[in-house]
Amino acid sequence: MNEVRADSCGPLCLAYISGASKSECANLANTSMRGHTDPLGMGSALEALGFRHVAITSWTKWEDLQNGNMVLWWSNFPPGTPDGHWSVVVARSAEALCLWDPDIDRQRWMPRAVFESRWYDFTRDDDFCRVSVSFDRLRGAP
C-alpha cells in the first residue's frame, strides 16, 4: 500500500461525509504524501465507502450545486499558500455558499462572487474546469 497523508482536505471531507476514519479515506482515495487527492480518487473512495450514483463533473454550474456536493476551489490557507482545496457544500442561496472547510473544521459562508472567482482547477491538459463531486446516500440509509 502506498503511503498517504490523511490530514489533507480530501480525506477530511470524505470522513466528514461518511463517518469513516481519515486513514481509511486517504487510502481509498489514493491521497499522495503531498496531500493531493484528485477527483477520480474522491469518486472511487465514495463508491468504496458505499455511496451510489457518484458523479464527477468538470464544469459545474452554480445552480447545480447541492448540499453534500464536494467542490474543488483555490484556498489561501495558510495565508500566502494558494492551492486546490476540497470542501463540502452545506447550503447555497442565490448569492452565497456555505461550505464545511476542513482547514478550519467549521462552516463558512462565502459570497457567490468570491467563491466563483476561486472555484477552478485545471485538467491534466491544463484546461480550465470547475470540479464538483456529487453522490446519493449510503446504501441502506433511509
N, C-alpha and C. Protein backbone atom coordinates (compact mmCIF):
# COMPACT_ATOMS: atom_id res chain seq x y z
N MET A 1 0.84 -1.18 0.00
CA MET A 1 0.00 0.00 0.00
C MET A 1 0.89 1.25 0.00
N ASN A 2 0.52 2.24 -0.80
CA ASN A 2 1.27 3.49 -0.85
C ASN A 2 1.09 4.27 0.44
N GLU A 3 2.11 5.04 0.79
CA GLU A 3 1.95 5.93 1.94
C GLU A 3 1.04 7.08 1.53
N VAL A 4 0.17 7.46 2.43
CA VAL A 4 -0.76 8.55 2.14
C VAL A 4 -0.78 9.53 3.29
N ARG A 5 -1.32 10.69 3.03
CA ARG A 5 -1.43 11.73 4.05
C ARG A 5 -2.90 11.93 4.39
N ALA A 6 -3.29 11.52 5.59
CA ALA A 6 -4.70 11.51 5.97
C ALA A 6 -5.21 12.84 6.48
N ASP A 7 -4.31 13.80 6.73
CA ASP A 7 -4.75 15.07 7.31
C ASP A 7 -5.01 16.14 6.27
N SER A 8 -5.08 15.76 5.00
CA SER A 8 -5.33 16.75 3.96
C SER A 8 -6.83 16.85 3.68
N CYS A 9 -7.20 17.85 2.91
CA CYS A 9 -8.61 18.20 2.75
C CYS A 9 -9.46 17.11 2.12
N GLY A 10 -8.95 16.36 1.15
CA GLY A 10 -9.74 15.32 0.51
C GLY A 10 -10.21 14.25 1.49
N PRO A 11 -9.27 13.59 2.19
CA PRO A 11 -9.70 12.59 3.17
C PRO A 11 -10.56 13.17 4.30
N LEU A 12 -10.29 14.39 4.71
CA LEU A 12 -11.09 15.00 5.77
C LEU A 12 -12.53 15.22 5.30
N CYS A 13 -12.74 15.63 4.05
CA CYS A 13 -14.09 15.78 3.52
C CYS A 13 -14.79 14.43 3.44
N LEU A 14 -14.08 13.42 2.97
CA LEU A 14 -14.67 12.08 2.89
C LEU A 14 -15.06 11.57 4.28
N ALA A 15 -14.21 11.79 5.27
CA ALA A 15 -14.51 11.36 6.64
C ALA A 15 -15.71 12.13 7.18
N TYR A 16 -15.79 13.42 6.89
CA TYR A 16 -16.90 14.26 7.33
C TYR A 16 -18.23 13.73 6.80
N ILE A 17 -18.24 13.34 5.53
CA ILE A 17 -19.46 12.87 4.88
C ILE A 17 -19.82 11.44 5.30
N SER A 18 -18.82 10.59 5.43
CA SER A 18 -19.08 9.16 5.61
C SER A 18 -19.01 8.65 7.04
N GLY A 19 -18.26 9.34 7.89
CA GLY A 19 -18.03 8.85 9.24
C GLY A 19 -16.90 7.85 9.32
N ALA A 20 -16.26 7.54 8.20
CA ALA A 20 -15.11 6.62 8.18
C ALA A 20 -13.88 7.34 8.74
N SER A 21 -12.84 6.59 9.03
CA SER A 21 -11.62 7.20 9.56
C SER A 21 -10.88 7.96 8.46
N LYS A 22 -10.11 8.96 8.87
CA LYS A 22 -9.32 9.74 7.92
C LYS A 22 -8.33 8.84 7.18
N SER A 23 -7.71 7.90 7.90
CA SER A 23 -6.74 7.00 7.26
C SER A 23 -7.40 6.14 6.20
N GLU A 24 -8.56 5.58 6.53
CA GLU A 24 -9.27 4.75 5.55
C GLU A 24 -9.62 5.58 4.32
N CYS A 25 -10.12 6.78 4.54
CA CYS A 25 -10.48 7.66 3.42
C CYS A 25 -9.27 8.01 2.56
N ALA A 26 -8.15 8.30 3.19
CA ALA A 26 -6.94 8.64 2.45
C ALA A 26 -6.47 7.47 1.61
N ASN A 27 -6.52 6.27 2.17
CA ASN A 27 -6.11 5.08 1.42
C ASN A 27 -7.06 4.81 0.26
N LEU A 28 -8.35 4.88 0.51
CA LEU A 28 -9.33 4.62 -0.55
C LEU A 28 -9.24 5.64 -1.68
N ALA A 29 -8.92 6.89 -1.34
CA ALA A 29 -8.84 7.96 -2.34
C ALA A 29 -7.46 8.06 -2.99
N ASN A 30 -6.53 7.24 -2.52
CA ASN A 30 -5.15 7.26 -3.03
C ASN A 30 -4.53 8.65 -2.91
N THR A 31 -4.72 9.27 -1.76
CA THR A 31 -4.15 10.59 -1.48
C THR A 31 -2.63 10.46 -1.39
N SER A 32 -1.93 11.38 -2.02
CA SER A 32 -0.47 11.32 -2.02
C SER A 32 0.11 11.84 -0.70
N MET A 33 1.38 11.58 -0.48
CA MET A 33 2.05 12.10 0.72
C MET A 33 2.09 13.63 0.72
N ARG A 34 1.99 14.23 -0.46
CA ARG A 34 1.93 15.70 -0.53
C ARG A 34 0.53 16.21 -0.22
N GLY A 35 -0.43 15.29 -0.02
CA GLY A 35 -1.78 15.70 0.34
C GLY A 35 -2.72 15.89 -0.84
N HIS A 36 -2.29 15.51 -2.04
CA HIS A 36 -3.14 15.70 -3.22
C HIS A 36 -4.11 14.53 -3.38
N THR A 37 -5.39 14.85 -3.56
CA THR A 37 -6.41 13.85 -3.87
C THR A 37 -7.14 14.33 -5.11
N ASP A 38 -7.01 13.57 -6.20
CA ASP A 38 -7.66 14.02 -7.43
C ASP A 38 -9.14 13.62 -7.43
N PRO A 39 -9.93 14.22 -8.32
CA PRO A 39 -11.36 13.94 -8.35
C PRO A 39 -11.70 12.46 -8.55
N LEU A 40 -10.94 11.76 -9.38
CA LEU A 40 -11.22 10.33 -9.58
C LEU A 40 -11.00 9.55 -8.29
N GLY A 41 -9.99 9.93 -7.52
CA GLY A 41 -9.75 9.29 -6.23
C GLY A 41 -10.89 9.54 -5.27
N MET A 42 -11.42 10.76 -5.28
CA MET A 42 -12.57 11.08 -4.42
C MET A 42 -13.77 10.22 -4.82
N GLY A 43 -14.01 10.10 -6.11
CA GLY A 43 -15.13 9.29 -6.58
C GLY A 43 -14.97 7.82 -6.23
N SER A 44 -13.78 7.28 -6.43
CA SER A 44 -13.51 5.87 -6.09
C SER A 44 -13.71 5.62 -4.60
N ALA A 45 -13.24 6.54 -3.78
CA ALA A 45 -13.38 6.39 -2.33
C ALA A 45 -14.85 6.40 -1.93
N LEU A 46 -15.64 7.31 -2.50
CA LEU A 46 -17.07 7.35 -2.19
C LEU A 46 -17.75 6.03 -2.54
N GLU A 47 -17.43 5.49 -3.71
CA GLU A 47 -18.03 4.22 -4.11
C GLU A 47 -17.60 3.10 -3.16
N ALA A 48 -16.33 3.07 -2.79
CA ALA A 48 -15.84 2.04 -1.87
C ALA A 48 -16.47 2.17 -0.49
N LEU A 49 -16.85 3.40 -0.12
CA LEU A 49 -17.50 3.64 1.17
C LEU A 49 -19.01 3.36 1.13
N GLY A 50 -19.51 2.95 -0.04
CA GLY A 50 -20.91 2.56 -0.14
C GLY A 50 -21.84 3.59 -0.72
N PHE A 51 -21.32 4.74 -1.14
CA PHE A 51 -22.19 5.73 -1.77
C PHE A 51 -22.51 5.28 -3.19
N ARG A 52 -23.62 5.76 -3.72
CA ARG A 52 -24.00 5.37 -5.06
C ARG A 52 -24.26 6.60 -5.92
N HIS A 53 -24.35 6.36 -7.21
CA HIS A 53 -24.58 7.43 -8.19
C HIS A 53 -23.55 8.55 -8.04
N VAL A 54 -22.30 8.16 -7.90
CA VAL A 54 -21.22 9.14 -7.79
C VAL A 54 -20.99 9.77 -9.16
N ALA A 55 -20.96 11.09 -9.21
CA ALA A 55 -20.72 11.80 -10.47
C ALA A 55 -19.65 12.85 -10.25
N ILE A 56 -18.64 12.82 -11.10
CA ILE A 56 -17.59 13.83 -11.08
C ILE A 56 -17.83 14.74 -12.27
N THR A 57 -18.05 16.01 -11.99
CA THR A 57 -18.39 16.96 -13.05
C THR A 57 -17.28 17.99 -13.16
N SER A 58 -16.79 18.17 -14.37
CA SER A 58 -15.67 19.10 -14.54
C SER A 58 -16.11 20.50 -14.93
N TRP A 59 -17.37 20.69 -15.23
CA TRP A 59 -17.84 22.05 -15.49
C TRP A 59 -19.20 22.22 -14.85
N THR A 60 -19.22 22.40 -13.54
CA THR A 60 -20.44 22.51 -12.76
C THR A 60 -20.92 23.95 -12.76
N LYS A 61 -22.23 24.13 -12.83
CA LYS A 61 -22.81 25.46 -12.74
C LYS A 61 -23.23 25.73 -11.29
N TRP A 62 -23.25 26.99 -10.92
CA TRP A 62 -23.67 27.41 -9.59
C TRP A 62 -25.03 26.79 -9.24
N GLU A 63 -25.94 26.84 -10.16
CA GLU A 63 -27.30 26.37 -9.93
C GLU A 63 -27.36 24.87 -9.67
N ASP A 64 -26.34 24.13 -10.09
CA ASP A 64 -26.32 22.68 -9.92
C ASP A 64 -25.72 22.23 -8.59
N LEU A 65 -25.13 23.15 -7.85
CA LEU A 65 -24.54 22.77 -6.56
C LEU A 65 -25.64 22.39 -5.57
N GLN A 66 -25.46 21.26 -4.92
CA GLN A 66 -26.42 20.76 -3.94
C GLN A 66 -25.71 20.53 -2.61
N ASN A 67 -26.49 20.53 -1.54
CA ASN A 67 -25.93 20.21 -0.23
C ASN A 67 -25.27 18.83 -0.30
N GLY A 68 -24.08 18.73 0.25
CA GLY A 68 -23.34 17.47 0.26
C GLY A 68 -22.37 17.33 -0.89
N ASN A 69 -22.51 18.12 -1.97
CA ASN A 69 -21.50 18.07 -3.03
C ASN A 69 -20.15 18.45 -2.46
N MET A 70 -19.12 17.88 -3.01
CA MET A 70 -17.77 18.33 -2.68
C MET A 70 -17.27 19.17 -3.84
N VAL A 71 -16.63 20.28 -3.54
CA VAL A 71 -16.11 21.17 -4.57
C VAL A 71 -14.62 21.37 -4.38
N LEU A 72 -13.95 21.57 -5.50
CA LEU A 72 -12.51 21.82 -5.50
C LEU A 72 -12.31 23.27 -5.90
N TRP A 73 -11.76 24.07 -4.98
CA TRP A 73 -11.58 25.50 -5.22
C TRP A 73 -10.20 25.91 -4.74
N TRP A 74 -9.81 27.14 -5.01
CA TRP A 74 -8.48 27.64 -4.62
C TRP A 74 -8.59 28.39 -3.31
N SER A 75 -8.01 27.80 -2.30
CA SER A 75 -7.99 28.39 -0.96
C SER A 75 -6.72 29.21 -0.81
N ASN A 76 -6.64 29.96 0.23
CA ASN A 76 -5.43 30.70 0.56
C ASN A 76 -5.12 30.50 2.04
N PHE A 77 -5.17 29.23 2.46
CA PHE A 77 -4.92 28.92 3.86
C PHE A 77 -3.89 27.82 3.93
N PRO A 78 -2.83 27.95 4.63
CA PRO A 78 -2.47 29.15 5.36
C PRO A 78 -2.20 30.31 4.40
N PRO A 79 -2.34 31.55 4.89
CA PRO A 79 -2.16 32.72 4.02
C PRO A 79 -0.84 32.64 3.23
N GLY A 80 -0.96 33.01 1.96
CA GLY A 80 0.22 33.02 1.11
C GLY A 80 0.49 31.69 0.42
N THR A 81 -0.38 30.70 0.63
CA THR A 81 -0.16 29.39 0.02
C THR A 81 -1.41 28.94 -0.74
N PRO A 82 -1.77 29.64 -1.82
CA PRO A 82 -2.96 29.24 -2.56
C PRO A 82 -2.77 27.83 -3.14
N ASP A 83 -3.82 27.03 -3.04
CA ASP A 83 -3.74 25.66 -3.52
C ASP A 83 -5.15 25.13 -3.74
N GLY A 84 -5.27 24.08 -4.56
CA GLY A 84 -6.54 23.42 -4.74
C GLY A 84 -7.01 22.86 -3.41
N HIS A 85 -8.30 22.99 -3.12
CA HIS A 85 -8.80 22.67 -1.79
C HIS A 85 -10.21 22.09 -1.88
N TRP A 86 -10.41 20.89 -1.29
CA TRP A 86 -11.73 20.27 -1.24
C TRP A 86 -12.51 20.81 -0.05
N SER A 87 -13.79 21.05 -0.26
CA SER A 87 -14.72 21.43 0.81
C SER A 87 -16.08 20.81 0.49
N VAL A 88 -16.97 20.78 1.48
CA VAL A 88 -18.30 20.19 1.32
C VAL A 88 -19.34 21.30 1.33
N VAL A 89 -20.24 21.29 0.35
CA VAL A 89 -21.32 22.26 0.28
C VAL A 89 -22.35 21.92 1.36
N VAL A 90 -22.63 22.88 2.24
CA VAL A 90 -23.60 22.70 3.31
C VAL A 90 -24.92 23.38 2.96
N ALA A 91 -24.85 24.54 2.31
CA ALA A 91 -26.06 25.26 1.90
C ALA A 91 -25.68 26.22 0.77
N ARG A 92 -26.69 26.59 -0.03
CA ARG A 92 -26.46 27.54 -1.11
C ARG A 92 -27.70 28.39 -1.27
N SER A 93 -27.50 29.68 -1.41
CA SER A 93 -28.58 30.59 -1.76
C SER A 93 -28.25 31.17 -3.13
N ALA A 94 -29.03 32.11 -3.59
CA ALA A 94 -28.75 32.72 -4.88
C ALA A 94 -27.45 33.52 -4.86
N GLU A 95 -27.09 34.03 -3.68
CA GLU A 95 -25.94 34.94 -3.59
C GLU A 95 -24.79 34.49 -2.70
N ALA A 96 -24.91 33.32 -2.07
CA ALA A 96 -23.82 32.88 -1.18
C ALA A 96 -23.82 31.36 -1.06
N LEU A 97 -22.69 30.86 -0.57
CA LEU A 97 -22.49 29.44 -0.40
C LEU A 97 -21.93 29.19 0.98
N CYS A 98 -22.43 28.16 1.65
CA CYS A 98 -21.88 27.75 2.94
C CYS A 98 -21.13 26.44 2.72
N LEU A 99 -19.86 26.45 3.09
CA LEU A 99 -19.00 25.28 2.93
C LEU A 99 -18.54 24.79 4.30
N TRP A 100 -18.40 23.46 4.45
CA TRP A 100 -17.64 22.94 5.58
C TRP A 100 -16.22 22.87 5.07
N ASP A 101 -15.34 23.63 5.72
CA ASP A 101 -13.96 23.77 5.28
C ASP A 101 -13.06 22.97 6.22
N PRO A 102 -12.42 21.91 5.73
CA PRO A 102 -11.60 21.09 6.61
C PRO A 102 -10.36 21.80 7.16
N ASP A 103 -9.92 22.87 6.52
CA ASP A 103 -8.75 23.60 7.04
C ASP A 103 -9.06 24.28 8.37
N ILE A 104 -10.32 24.69 8.53
CA ILE A 104 -10.68 25.38 9.77
C ILE A 104 -11.69 24.58 10.61
N ASP A 105 -12.08 23.41 10.09
CA ASP A 105 -13.01 22.50 10.76
C ASP A 105 -14.29 23.20 11.23
N ARG A 106 -14.84 23.98 10.33
CA ARG A 106 -16.12 24.63 10.62
C ARG A 106 -16.75 25.09 9.30
N GLN A 107 -17.98 25.54 9.41
CA GLN A 107 -18.67 26.05 8.24
C GLN A 107 -18.30 27.51 8.02
N ARG A 108 -18.29 27.89 6.75
CA ARG A 108 -18.01 29.28 6.41
C ARG A 108 -18.89 29.69 5.24
N TRP A 109 -19.46 30.88 5.35
CA TRP A 109 -20.24 31.45 4.26
C TRP A 109 -19.32 32.26 3.36
N MET A 110 -19.55 32.17 2.07
CA MET A 110 -18.76 32.91 1.12
C MET A 110 -19.69 33.52 0.07
N PRO A 111 -19.57 34.82 -0.20
CA PRO A 111 -20.39 35.42 -1.25
C PRO A 111 -20.15 34.70 -2.59
N ARG A 112 -21.20 34.58 -3.38
CA ARG A 112 -21.11 33.88 -4.65
C ARG A 112 -19.96 34.41 -5.51
N ALA A 113 -19.84 35.72 -5.63
CA ALA A 113 -18.80 36.29 -6.50
C ALA A 113 -17.41 35.90 -6.03
N VAL A 114 -17.19 35.85 -4.73
CA VAL A 114 -15.87 35.46 -4.20
C VAL A 114 -15.62 33.99 -4.49
N PHE A 115 -16.61 33.13 -4.18
CA PHE A 115 -16.43 31.70 -4.42
C PHE A 115 -16.20 31.42 -5.90
N GLU A 116 -17.03 31.99 -6.76
CA GLU A 116 -16.90 31.72 -8.19
C GLU A 116 -15.55 32.19 -8.74
N SER A 117 -14.98 33.23 -8.16
CA SER A 117 -13.67 33.68 -8.63
C SER A 117 -12.54 32.74 -8.20
N ARG A 118 -12.82 31.86 -7.22
CA ARG A 118 -11.80 30.92 -6.72
C ARG A 118 -12.16 29.46 -7.01
N TRP A 119 -13.27 29.24 -7.68
CA TRP A 119 -13.74 27.89 -7.96
C TRP A 119 -13.24 27.44 -9.31
N TYR A 120 -12.03 26.94 -9.34
CA TYR A 120 -11.47 26.43 -10.59
C TYR A 120 -10.32 25.49 -10.29
N ASP A 121 -10.02 24.70 -11.25
CA ASP A 121 -8.87 23.82 -11.23
C ASP A 121 -8.46 23.63 -12.68
N PHE A 122 -7.50 22.79 -12.90
CA PHE A 122 -7.02 22.54 -14.26
C PHE A 122 -6.96 21.04 -14.51
N THR A 123 -7.33 20.63 -15.72
CA THR A 123 -7.24 19.22 -16.09
C THR A 123 -5.78 18.88 -16.36
N ARG A 124 -5.53 17.62 -16.63
CA ARG A 124 -4.15 17.20 -16.95
C ARG A 124 -3.64 17.88 -18.22
N ASP A 125 -4.58 18.32 -19.08
CA ASP A 125 -4.20 19.03 -20.31
C ASP A 125 -4.19 20.53 -20.11
N ASP A 126 -4.23 20.97 -18.84
CA ASP A 126 -4.24 22.39 -18.48
C ASP A 126 -5.47 23.14 -18.97
N ASP A 127 -6.57 22.42 -19.14
CA ASP A 127 -7.84 23.08 -19.45
C ASP A 127 -8.48 23.54 -18.15
N PHE A 128 -9.08 24.71 -18.17
CA PHE A 128 -9.78 25.28 -17.03
C PHE A 128 -11.04 24.45 -16.76
N CYS A 129 -11.36 24.19 -15.51
CA CYS A 129 -12.59 23.46 -15.18
C CYS A 129 -13.09 23.86 -13.80
N ARG A 130 -14.35 23.55 -13.52
CA ARG A 130 -14.99 23.76 -12.21
C ARG A 130 -15.47 22.41 -11.71
N VAL A 131 -14.73 21.83 -10.79
CA VAL A 131 -14.97 20.45 -10.37
C VAL A 131 -15.94 20.38 -9.20
N SER A 132 -16.87 19.42 -9.29
CA SER A 132 -17.69 19.04 -8.15
C SER A 132 -17.88 17.53 -8.18
N VAL A 133 -18.12 16.95 -7.01
CA VAL A 133 -18.40 15.53 -6.90
C VAL A 133 -19.74 15.41 -6.17
N SER A 134 -20.68 14.72 -6.80
CA SER A 134 -21.99 14.53 -6.19
C SER A 134 -22.23 13.04 -6.02
N PHE A 135 -23.21 12.69 -5.17
CA PHE A 135 -23.48 11.28 -4.85
C PHE A 135 -24.81 11.20 -4.13
N ASP A 136 -25.30 9.97 -4.01
CA ASP A 136 -26.51 9.70 -3.23
C ASP A 136 -26.11 9.13 -1.88
N ARG A 137 -27.10 9.00 -1.00
CA ARG A 137 -26.87 8.49 0.37
C ARG A 137 -26.21 7.12 0.35
N LEU A 138 -25.71 6.74 1.51
CA LEU A 138 -25.15 5.40 1.67
C LEU A 138 -26.20 4.35 1.37
N ARG A 139 -25.74 3.23 0.82
CA ARG A 139 -26.67 2.11 0.61
C ARG A 139 -27.32 1.73 1.93
N GLY A 140 -28.60 1.47 1.88
CA GLY A 140 -29.30 1.05 3.09
C GLY A 140 -29.76 2.19 3.98
N ALA A 141 -29.31 3.42 3.69
CA ALA A 141 -29.74 4.57 4.51
C ALA A 141 -31.15 4.95 4.09
N PRO A 142 -31.94 5.45 5.01
CA PRO A 142 -33.32 5.84 4.67
C PRO A 142 -33.37 7.01 3.72
